């Protein structure tokens, strides 16, 4: 239970202070000797009058102050919505080894920069179903659609360049993602493709996969990773201490834009970790649906019983003061 105006709970203390300050001095009567008055017995009515009337008055004041503070019971109700089904399609080809990806502590490879930000994104998708597809020379389903985001996050962190071969089969990666989403009957569906953008392998062309996605009503959001052409590091310290450099990693922006436009998705270029974070924020806005509503807050007011208690205490005190405990001056 919470209070809308908790400061009003101090009202009873103010009432007690006023009562003490306004207490009337006891009247005295001049007698040569008043010692005999103390021996006179007090009636039950006299002994009970002050404690009972003061208690009823205090109960009324406390109850009114609690009611005025507006005690409330607040409940947050999560609105039901159709779950979102999102397939992450991640390029694990050798070109993702290019070290041209800025971070807050310096440059790293495209793969390491991508993994860190994708893991962050997956961690926030507790109410969605996520699948993970990686592709190189061929495509593999690392995780089916699942709400176990912790599992998907760990699988994302385990991705390494060339683990699916040296090539870049973008079309096969999209095809495998579409196969999984085609089987889903409920909820919105979307694919997020992350690659440095040159299709060099596979059985399905990226454009053909985009046509299939369009026919199925599945949006594909594409993210181009990197800044353009960059040397691929064949060793962890490539470019340092005389380690050899590999071929140049090209960046095919045209194809990624065409895929996104054809399917009603959006294309983004992410050349840094912060850039990817911003991209995922934009994708989040794009994948919202009309079924999604913010959580509903229900506030239940609890002041009514305290008002009733105050009223009963006041009426009872007034009635007793005017009848049984009536005092004649």
Foldseek 3Di string as FASTA:
>chain_A
DDFQAVVLLCQLVVVVVVCVVPPDDDDDDDDPDCVVVVVDDDDPLVVVLVVQLVVLQSLLRNLVSRLVRWDKDKDWFAADFWAEEEEEEEEQALQQQFFQAADPVGTGGLLVLVLVLVLVVLVPRLRHWYWYWYAAQAIDTPGATDSPSVVVNVVSVPRHHQPRHNHTAQFRSLVVQVVRVVPDDIHAYEYEYEELADHDHDDGDLVNSLVVLQVVLYAYEYENEADAWGWRQPDRQRPPPPRDTHGIRGHHQPSNQSSRVSNVHYYYYAHYSVSVNVVVVVVVVVRDDPRHDGIDMDMDTDSVVSNVSSVVSVVVSVVCCVPVSPDDD
